[in-house]
Amino acid sequence: LQVYAVAVDELFSPQSLRATFAYFGDGLEEVTYEVDEAWLSEARAAVHRLAAGIDEERFEPAASAGCRWCDFVAFCQAGQSFLERGSF
């Protein structure tokens, strides 16, 4: 989700920007950040690392209960194993 904040900053250069992340695991948790240059620098680095990993075909699966709804579980051994164990 950091990529959206980076894109907004690069396209519109707003005077201020806030990013709110919502987590829907065992309920709703929202975390809001005031986006400053340090936050954007860290976000840009994270986005570049992710893109480089995709480009280099480095995909580290992180199995979770979300695997139940994943369109790619048929291709993901980690997700399949997780679901077979009934770990959710």
PDB file of N, CA and C in Angstrom:
ATOM      1  N   LEU A   1       0.812  -1.211   0.000  1.00  0.00           N
ATOM      2  CA  LEU A   1       0.000   0.000   0.000  1.00  0.00           C
ATOM      3  C   LEU A   1       0.851   1.269   0.000  1.00  0.00           C
ATOM      4  N   GLN A   2       2.114   1.103   0.386  1.00  0.00           N
ATOM      5  CA  GLN A   2       3.000   2.269   0.383  1.00  0.00           C
ATOM      6  C   GLN A   2       3.128   2.862  -1.015  1.00  0.00           C
ATOM      7  N   VAL A   3       2.996   2.038  -2.033  1.00  0.00           N
ATOM      8  CA  VAL A   3       3.167   2.520  -3.397  1.00  0.00           C
ATOM      9  C   VAL A   3       2.150   3.620  -3.728  1.00  0.00           C
ATOM     10  N   TYR A   4       0.958   3.559  -3.153  1.00  0.00           N
ATOM     11  CA  TYR A   4      -0.040   4.591  -3.408  1.00  0.00           C
ATOM     12  C   TYR A   4       0.418   5.945  -2.859  1.00  0.00           C
ATOM     13  N   ALA A   5       0.970   5.954  -1.671  1.00  0.00           N
ATOM     14  CA  ALA A   5       1.461   7.201  -1.088  1.00  0.00           C
ATOM     15  C   ALA A   5       2.620   7.754  -1.909  1.00  0.00           C
ATOM     16  N   VAL A   6       3.512   6.878  -2.353  1.00  0.00           N
ATOM     17  CA  VAL A   6       4.638   7.310  -3.186  1.00  0.00           C
ATOM     18  C   VAL A   6       4.113   7.899  -4.492  1.00  0.00           C
ATOM     19  N   ALA A   7       3.141   7.247  -5.101  1.00  0.00           N
ATOM     20  CA  ALA A   7       2.578   7.740  -6.365  1.00  0.00           C
ATOM     21  C   ALA A   7       1.896   9.088  -6.185  1.00  0.00           C
ATOM     22  N   VAL A   8       1.124   9.232  -5.118  1.00  0.00           N
ATOM     23  CA  VAL A   8       0.463  10.515  -4.860  1.00  0.00           C
ATOM     24  C   VAL A   8       1.498  11.618  -4.706  1.00  0.00           C
ATOM     25  N   ASP A   9       2.553  11.342  -3.951  1.00  0.00           N
ATOM     26  CA  ASP A   9       3.598  12.345  -3.753  1.00  0.00           C
ATOM     27  C   ASP A   9       4.272  12.708  -5.072  1.00  0.00           C
ATOM     28  N   GLU A  10       4.579  11.717  -5.884  1.00  0.00           N
ATOM     29  CA  GLU A  10       5.284  11.988  -7.132  1.00  0.00           C
ATOM     30  C   GLU A  10       4.397  12.663  -8.172  1.00  0.00           C
ATOM     31  N   LEU A  11       3.119  12.336  -8.186  1.00  0.00           N
ATOM     32  CA  LEU A  11       2.225  12.913  -9.197  1.00  0.00           C
ATOM     33  C   LEU A  11       1.662  14.275  -8.810  1.00  0.00           C
ATOM     34  N   PHE A  12       1.410  14.473  -7.505  1.00  0.00           N
ATOM     35  CA  PHE A  12       0.696  15.675  -7.090  1.00  0.00           C
ATOM     36  C   PHE A  12       1.472  16.575  -6.132  1.00  0.00           C
ATOM     37  N   SER A  13       2.534  16.095  -5.526  1.00  0.00           N
ATOM     38  CA  SER A  13       3.340  16.852  -4.557  1.00  0.00           C
ATOM     39  C   SER A  13       2.467  17.616  -3.553  1.00  0.00           C
ATOM     40  N   PRO A  14       1.626  16.922  -2.797  1.00  0.00           N
ATOM     41  CA  PRO A  14       0.736  17.612  -1.859  1.00  0.00           C
ATOM     42  C   PRO A  14       1.522  18.254  -0.710  1.00  0.00           C
ATOM     43  N   GLN A  15       0.937  19.288  -0.108  1.00  0.00           N
ATOM     44  CA  GLN A  15       1.559  19.954   1.034  1.00  0.00           C
ATOM     45  C   GLN A  15       1.636  19.022   2.237  1.00  0.00           C
ATOM     46  N   SER A  16       0.619  18.180   2.399  1.00  0.00           N
ATOM     47  CA  SER A  16       0.620  17.204   3.481  1.00  0.00           C
ATOM     48  C   SER A  16      -0.061  15.934   2.971  1.00  0.00           C
ATOM     49  N   LEU A  17       0.304  14.839   3.594  1.00  0.00           N
ATOM     50  CA  LEU A  17      -0.232  13.558   3.162  1.00  0.00           C
ATOM     51  C   LEU A  17      -0.270  12.628   4.361  1.00  0.00           C
ATOM     52  N   ARG A  18      -1.364  11.908   4.497  1.00  0.00           N
ATOM     53  CA  ARG A  18      -1.503  10.890   5.537  1.00  0.00           C
ATOM     54  C   ARG A  18      -1.820   9.567   4.859  1.00  0.00           C
ATOM     55  N   ALA A  19      -1.281   8.489   5.409  1.00  0.00           N
ATOM     56  CA  ALA A  19      -1.547   7.146   4.879  1.00  0.00           C
ATOM     57  C   ALA A  19      -2.153   6.321   5.999  1.00  0.00           C
ATOM     58  N   THR A  20      -3.294   5.731   5.733  1.00  0.00           N
ATOM     59  CA  THR A  20      -3.959   4.884   6.723  1.00  0.00           C
ATOM     60  C   THR A  20      -4.006   3.458   6.194  1.00  0.00           C
ATOM     61  N   PHE A  21      -3.500   2.542   7.001  1.00  0.00           N
ATOM     62  CA  PHE A  21      -3.519   1.130   6.676  1.00  0.00           C
ATOM     63  C   PHE A  21      -4.577   0.468   7.550  1.00  0.00           C
ATOM     64  N   ALA A  22      -5.432  -0.328   6.945  1.00  0.00           N
ATOM     65  CA  ALA A  22      -6.477  -1.038   7.680  1.00  0.00           C
ATOM     66  C   ALA A  22      -6.164  -2.529   7.639  1.00  0.00           C
ATOM     67  N   TYR A  23      -6.183  -3.157   8.818  1.00  0.00           N
ATOM     68  CA  TYR A  23      -5.924  -4.580   8.947  1.00  0.00           C
ATOM     69  C   TYR A  23      -7.222  -5.255   9.385  1.00  0.00           C
ATOM     70  N   PHE A  24      -7.628  -6.294   8.664  1.00  0.00           N
ATOM     71  CA  PHE A  24      -8.913  -6.935   8.906  1.00  0.00           C
ATOM     72  C   PHE A  24      -8.773  -8.363   9.407  1.00  0.00           C
ATOM     73  N   GLY A  25      -7.771  -8.674  10.201  1.00  0.00           N
ATOM     74  CA  GLY A  25      -7.559 -10.029  10.708  1.00  0.00           C
ATOM     75  C   GLY A  25      -8.652 -10.442  11.668  1.00  0.00           C
ATOM     76  N   ASP A  26      -8.448 -10.190  12.938  1.00  0.00           N
ATOM     77  CA  ASP A  26      -9.419 -10.561  13.967  1.00  0.00           C
ATOM     78  C   ASP A  26     -10.289  -9.375  14.362  1.00  0.00           C
ATOM     79  N   GLY A  27     -10.488  -8.482  13.473  1.00  0.00           N
ATOM     80  CA  GLY A  27     -11.228  -7.255  13.732  1.00  0.00           C
ATOM     81  C   GLY A  27     -10.605  -6.161  12.892  1.00  0.00           C
ATOM     82  N   LEU A  28     -10.997  -4.953  13.133  1.00  0.00           N
ATOM     83  CA  LEU A  28     -10.477  -3.834  12.362  1.00  0.00           C
ATOM     84  C   LEU A  28      -9.447  -3.079  13.184  1.00  0.00           C
ATOM     85  N   GLU A  29      -8.279  -2.900  12.612  1.00  0.00           N
ATOM     86  CA  GLU A  29      -7.250  -2.074  13.226  1.00  0.00           C
ATOM     87  C   GLU A  29      -6.769  -1.104  12.157  1.00  0.00           C
ATOM     88  N   GLU A  30      -6.781   0.176  12.463  1.00  0.00           N
ATOM     89  CA  GLU A  30      -6.296   1.179  11.532  1.00  0.00           C
ATOM     90  C   GLU A  30      -5.057   1.843  12.111  1.00  0.00           C
ATOM     91  N   VAL A  31      -4.059   2.029  11.249  1.00  0.00           N
ATOM     92  CA  VAL A  31      -2.840   2.716  11.639  1.00  0.00           C
ATOM     93  C   VAL A  31      -2.624   3.837  10.634  1.00  0.00           C
ATOM     94  N   THR A  32      -2.519   5.070  11.132  1.00  0.00           N
ATOM     95  CA  THR A  32      -2.351   6.230  10.266  1.00  0.00           C
ATOM     96  C   THR A  32      -0.971   6.834  10.478  1.00  0.00           C
ATOM     97  N   TYR A  33      -0.330   7.169   9.372  1.00  0.00           N
ATOM     98  CA  TYR A  33       0.989   7.790   9.395  1.00  0.00           C
ATOM     99  C   TYR A  33       0.910   9.167   8.765  1.00  0.00           C
ATOM    100  N   GLU A  34       1.566  10.137   9.364  1.00  0.00           N
ATOM    101  CA  GLU A  34       1.783  11.421   8.722  1.00  0.00           C
ATOM    102  C   GLU A  34       2.986  11.209   7.813  1.00  0.00           C
ATOM    103  N   VAL A  35       2.788  11.349   6.529  1.00  0.00           N
ATOM    104  CA  VAL A  35       3.831  11.044   5.562  1.00  0.00           C
ATOM    105  C   VAL A  35       4.790  12.229   5.467  1.00  0.00           C
ATOM    106  N   ASP A  36       6.047  11.975   5.839  1.00  0.00           N
ATOM    107  CA  ASP A  36       7.081  12.993   5.712  1.00  0.00           C
ATOM    108  C   ASP A  36       8.182  12.438   4.808  1.00  0.00           C
ATOM    109  N   GLU A  37       9.244  13.183   4.619  1.00  0.00           N
ATOM    110  CA  GLU A  37      10.307  12.750   3.712  1.00  0.00           C
ATOM    111  C   GLU A  37      10.949  11.439   4.170  1.00  0.00           C
ATOM    112  N   ALA A  38      11.131  11.249   5.467  1.00  0.00           N
ATOM    113  CA  ALA A  38      11.729  10.004   5.974  1.00  0.00           C
ATOM    114  C   ALA A  38      10.815   8.815   5.667  1.00  0.00           C
ATOM    115  N   TRP A  39       9.506   8.988   5.890  1.00  0.00           N
ATOM    116  CA  TRP A  39       8.541   7.921   5.607  1.00  0.00           C
ATOM    117  C   TRP A  39       8.545   7.597   4.117  1.00  0.00           C
ATOM    118  N   LEU A  40       8.537   8.645   3.275  1.00  0.00           N
ATOM    119  CA  LEU A  40       8.537   8.426   1.826  1.00  0.00           C
ATOM    120  C   LEU A  40       9.817   7.743   1.367  1.00  0.00           C
ATOM    121  N   SER A  41      10.936   8.106   1.943  1.00  0.00           N
ATOM    122  CA  SER A  41      12.205   7.485   1.575  1.00  0.00           C
ATOM    123  C   SER A  41      12.182   5.998   1.897  1.00  0.00           C
ATOM    124  N   GLU A  42      11.691   5.658   3.075  1.00  0.00           N
ATOM    125  CA  GLU A  42      11.576   4.251   3.465  1.00  0.00           C
ATOM    126  C   GLU A  42      10.583   3.517   2.570  1.00  0.00           C
ATOM    127  N   ALA A  43       9.467   4.164   2.250  1.00  0.00           N
ATOM    128  CA  ALA A  43       8.456   3.544   1.391  1.00  0.00           C
ATOM    129  C   ALA A  43       9.014   3.310  -0.010  1.00  0.00           C
ATOM    130  N   ARG A  44       9.714   4.299  -0.555  1.00  0.00           N
ATOM    131  CA  ARG A  44      10.310   4.135  -1.886  1.00  0.00           C
ATOM    132  C   ARG A  44      11.302   2.967  -1.895  1.00  0.00           C
ATOM    133  N   ALA A  45      12.118   2.865  -0.848  1.00  0.00           N
ATOM    134  CA  ALA A  45      13.095   1.774  -0.768  1.00  0.00           C
ATOM    135  C   ALA A  45      12.380   0.424  -0.714  1.00  0.00           C
ATOM    136  N   ALA A  46      11.299   0.340   0.054  1.00  0.00           N
ATOM    137  CA  ALA A  46      10.541  -0.915   0.158  1.00  0.00           C
ATOM    138  C   ALA A  46       9.925  -1.288  -1.191  1.00  0.00           C
ATOM    139  N   VAL A  47       9.379  -0.310  -1.895  1.00  0.00           N
ATOM    140  CA  VAL A  47       8.773  -0.562  -3.205  1.00  0.00           C
ATOM    141  C   VAL A  47       9.836  -1.019  -4.195  1.00  0.00           C
ATOM    142  N   HIS A  48      11.005  -0.386  -4.172  1.00  0.00           N
ATOM    143  CA  HIS A  48      12.091  -0.780  -5.079  1.00  0.00           C
ATOM    144  C   HIS A  48      12.593  -2.188  -4.763  1.00  0.00           C
ATOM    145  N   ARG A  49      12.698  -2.538  -3.470  1.00  0.00           N
ATOM    146  CA  ARG A  49      13.114  -3.897  -3.095  1.00  0.00           C
ATOM    147  C   ARG A  49      12.098  -4.924  -3.601  1.00  0.00           C
ATOM    148  N   LEU A  50      10.825  -4.623  -3.429  1.00  0.00           N
ATOM    149  CA  LEU A  50       9.779  -5.534  -3.892  1.00  0.00           C
ATOM    150  C   LEU A  50       9.836  -5.700  -5.408  1.00  0.00           C
ATOM    151  N   ALA A  51       9.964  -4.594  -6.126  1.00  0.00           N
ATOM    152  CA  ALA A  51      10.029  -4.655  -7.594  1.00  0.00           C
ATOM    153  C   ALA A  51      11.267  -5.414  -8.051  1.00  0.00           C
ATOM    154  N   ALA A  52      12.398  -5.209  -7.391  1.00  0.00           N
ATOM    155  CA  ALA A  52      13.622  -5.928  -7.754  1.00  0.00           C
ATOM    156  C   ALA A  52      13.448  -7.419  -7.513  1.00  0.00           C
ATOM    157  N   GLY A  53      12.791  -7.782  -6.415  1.00  0.00           N
ATOM    158  CA  GLY A  53      12.546  -9.196  -6.136  1.00  0.00           C
ATOM    159  C   GLY A  53      11.676  -9.832  -7.193  1.00  0.00           C
ATOM    160  N   ILE A  54      10.672  -9.119  -7.649  1.00  0.00           N
ATOM    161  CA  ILE A  54       9.799  -9.631  -8.710  1.00  0.00           C
ATOM    162  C   ILE A  54      10.600  -9.785  -9.996  1.00  0.00           C
ATOM    163  N   ASP A  55      11.403  -8.763 -10.312  1.00  0.00           N
ATOM    164  CA  ASP A  55      12.214  -8.792 -11.527  1.00  0.00           C
ATOM    165  C   ASP A  55      13.205  -9.951 -11.505  1.00  0.00           C
ATOM    166  N   GLU A  56      13.733 -10.264 -10.324  1.00  0.00           N
ATOM    167  CA  GLU A  56      14.706 -11.353 -10.172  1.00  0.00           C
ATOM    168  C   GLU A  56      14.030 -12.695  -9.872  1.00  0.00           C
ATOM    169  N   GLU A  57      12.699 -12.705  -9.925  1.00  0.00           N
ATOM    170  CA  GLU A  57      11.895 -13.898  -9.672  1.00  0.00           C
ATOM    171  C   GLU A  57      12.159 -14.492  -8.302  1.00  0.00           C
ATOM    172  N   ARG A  58      12.343 -13.610  -7.304  1.00  0.00           N
ATOM    173  CA  ARG A  58      12.471 -14.046  -5.908  1.00  0.00           C
ATOM    174  C   ARG A  58      11.111 -13.889  -5.261  1.00  0.00           C
ATOM    175  N   PHE A  59      10.472 -14.990  -4.981  1.00  0.00           N
ATOM    176  CA  PHE A  59       9.147 -14.972  -4.393  1.00  0.00           C
ATOM    177  C   PHE A  59       9.167 -15.824  -3.126  1.00  0.00           C
ATOM    178  N   GLU A  60       9.132 -15.172  -1.982  1.00  0.00           N
ATOM    179  CA  GLU A  60       9.099 -15.894  -0.718  1.00  0.00           C
ATOM    180  C   GLU A  60       7.651 -15.959  -0.243  1.00  0.00           C
ATOM    181  N   PRO A  61       7.030 -17.135  -0.323  1.00  0.00           N
ATOM    182  CA  PRO A  61       5.634 -17.234   0.095  1.00  0.00           C
ATOM    183  C   PRO A  61       5.488 -17.072   1.606  1.00  0.00           C
ATOM    184  N   ALA A  62       4.426 -16.442   2.012  1.00  0.00           N
ATOM    185  CA  ALA A  62       4.110 -16.259   3.430  1.00  0.00           C
ATOM    186  C   ALA A  62       2.708 -16.813   3.645  1.00  0.00           C
ATOM    187  N   ALA A  63       2.648 -18.090   3.950  1.00  0.00           N
ATOM    188  CA  ALA A  63       1.359 -18.760   4.107  1.00  0.00           C
ATOM    189  C   ALA A  63       0.596 -18.209   5.305  1.00  0.00           C
ATOM    190  N   SER A  64      -0.716 -18.064   5.128  1.00  0.00           N
ATOM    191  CA  SER A  64      -1.583 -17.566   6.197  1.00  0.00           C
ATOM    192  C   SER A  64      -3.009 -18.028   5.911  1.00  0.00           C
ATOM    193  N   ALA A  65      -3.910 -17.639   6.789  1.00  0.00           N
ATOM    194  CA  ALA A  65      -5.323 -17.984   6.581  1.00  0.00           C
ATOM    195  C   ALA A  65      -5.842 -17.408   5.269  1.00  0.00           C
ATOM    196  N   GLY A  66      -5.214 -16.361   4.776  1.00  0.00           N
ATOM    197  CA  GLY A  66      -5.608 -15.768   3.501  1.00  0.00           C
ATOM    198  C   GLY A  66      -5.438 -16.716   2.324  1.00  0.00           C
ATOM    199  N   CYS A  67      -4.644 -17.763   2.511  1.00  0.00           N
ATOM    200  CA  CYS A  67      -4.453 -18.743   1.443  1.00  0.00           C
ATOM    201  C   CYS A  67      -5.779 -19.374   1.006  1.00  0.00           C
ATOM    202  N   ARG A  68      -6.750 -19.401   1.917  1.00  0.00           N
ATOM    203  CA  ARG A  68      -8.058 -20.001   1.585  1.00  0.00           C
ATOM    204  C   ARG A  68      -8.721 -19.298   0.413  1.00  0.00           C
ATOM    205  N   TRP A  69      -8.423 -18.020   0.223  1.00  0.00           N
ATOM    206  CA  TRP A  69      -9.072 -17.236  -0.825  1.00  0.00           C
ATOM    207  C   TRP A  69      -8.122 -16.859  -1.948  1.00  0.00           C
ATOM    208  N   CYS A  70      -6.892 -17.314  -1.896  1.00  0.00           N
ATOM    209  CA  CYS A  70      -5.895 -16.898  -2.874  1.00  0.00           C
ATOM    210  C   CYS A  70      -6.092 -17.598  -4.213  1.00  0.00           C
ATOM    211  N   ASP A  71      -6.066 -16.831  -5.279  1.00  0.00           N
ATOM    212  CA  ASP A  71      -6.202 -17.381  -6.624  1.00  0.00           C
ATOM    213  C   ASP A  71      -4.979 -18.185  -7.045  1.00  0.00           C
ATOM    214  N   PHE A  72      -3.858 -18.023  -6.338  1.00  0.00           N
ATOM    215  CA  PHE A  72      -2.610 -18.663  -6.745  1.00  0.00           C
ATOM    216  C   PHE A  72      -2.229 -19.855  -5.882  1.00  0.00           C
ATOM    217  N   VAL A  73      -3.084 -20.261  -4.954  1.00  0.00           N
ATOM    218  CA  VAL A  73      -2.741 -21.360  -4.054  1.00  0.00           C
ATOM    219  C   VAL A  73      -2.471 -22.654  -4.822  1.00  0.00           C
ATOM    220  N   ALA A  74      -3.056 -22.816  -5.979  1.00  0.00           N
ATOM    221  CA  ALA A  74      -2.816 -24.023  -6.776  1.00  0.00           C
ATOM    222  C   ALA A  74      -1.357 -24.123  -7.213  1.00  0.00           C
ATOM    223  N   PHE A  75      -0.649 -22.999  -7.217  1.00  0.00           N
ATOM    224  CA  PHE A  75       0.750 -22.962  -7.647  1.00  0.00           C
ATOM    225  C   PHE A  75       1.718 -22.770  -6.488  1.00  0.00           C
ATOM    226  N   CYS A  76       1.211 -22.702  -5.272  1.00  0.00           N
ATOM    227  CA  CYS A  76       2.017 -22.334  -4.110  1.00  0.00           C
ATOM    228  C   CYS A  76       2.089 -23.502  -3.123  1.00  0.00           C
ATOM    229  N   GLN A  77       3.248 -24.146  -3.074  1.00  0.00           N
ATOM    230  CA  GLN A  77       3.417 -25.293  -2.182  1.00  0.00           C
ATOM    231  C   GLN A  77       3.251 -24.890  -0.722  1.00  0.00           C
ATOM    232  N   ALA A  78       3.772 -23.725  -0.343  1.00  0.00           N
ATOM    233  CA  ALA A  78       3.655 -23.275   1.049  1.00  0.00           C
ATOM    234  C   ALA A  78       2.191 -23.085   1.437  1.00  0.00           C
ATOM    235  N   GLY A  79       1.405 -22.485   0.550  1.00  0.00           N
ATOM    236  CA  GLY A  79      -0.014 -22.289   0.825  1.00  0.00           C
ATOM    237  C   GLY A  79      -0.777 -23.593   0.884  1.00  0.00           C
ATOM    238  N   GLN A  80      -0.455 -24.500  -0.030  1.00  0.00           N
ATOM    239  CA  GLN A  80      -1.116 -25.805  -0.030  1.00  0.00           C
ATOM    240  C   GLN A  80      -0.818 -26.564   1.256  1.00  0.00           C
ATOM    241  N   SER A  81       0.440 -26.561   1.673  1.00  0.00           N
ATOM    242  CA  SER A  81       0.823 -27.252   2.914  1.00  0.00           C
ATOM    243  C   SER A  81       0.116 -26.651   4.114  1.00  0.00           C
ATOM    244  N   PHE A  82       0.051 -25.343   4.142  1.00  0.00           N
ATOM    245  CA  PHE A  82      -0.614 -24.636   5.232  1.00  0.00           C
ATOM    246  C   PHE A  82      -2.075 -25.064   5.326  1.00  0.00           C
ATOM    247  N   LEU A  83      -2.753 -25.097   4.192  1.00  0.00           N
ATOM    248  CA  LEU A  83      -4.169 -25.472   4.177  1.00  0.00           C
ATOM    249  C   LEU A  83      -4.376 -26.941   4.519  1.00  0.00           C
ATOM    250  N   GLU A  84      -3.469 -27.796   4.074  1.00  0.00           N
ATOM    251  CA  GLU A  84      -3.575 -29.229   4.393  1.00  0.00           C
ATOM    252  C   GLU A  84      -3.438 -29.476   5.885  1.00  0.00           C
ATOM    253  N   ARG A  85      -2.601 -28.683   6.556  1.00  0.00           N
ATOM    254  CA  ARG A  85      -2.422 -28.829   7.997  1.00  0.00           C
ATOM    255  C   ARG A  85      -3.609 -28.274   8.775  1.00  0.00           C
ATOM    256  N   GLY A  86      -4.460 -27.510   8.104  1.00  0.00           N
ATOM    257  CA  GLY A  86      -5.589 -26.897   8.793  1.00  0.00           C
ATOM    258  C   GLY A  86      -5.139 -25.903   9.845  1.00  0.00           C
ATOM    259  N   SER A  87      -4.085 -25.188   9.550  1.00  0.00           N
ATOM    260  CA  SER A  87      -3.463 -24.266  10.510  1.00  0.00           C
ATOM    261  C   SER A  87      -4.208 -22.955  10.682  1.00  0.00           C
ATOM    262  N   PHE A  88      -5.367 -22.846  10.107  1.00  0.00           N
ATOM    263  CA  PHE A  88      -6.077 -21.577  10.196  1.00  0.00           C
ATOM    264  C   PHE A  88      -7.157 -21.703  11.154  1.00  0.00           C
TER     265      PHE A  88
END
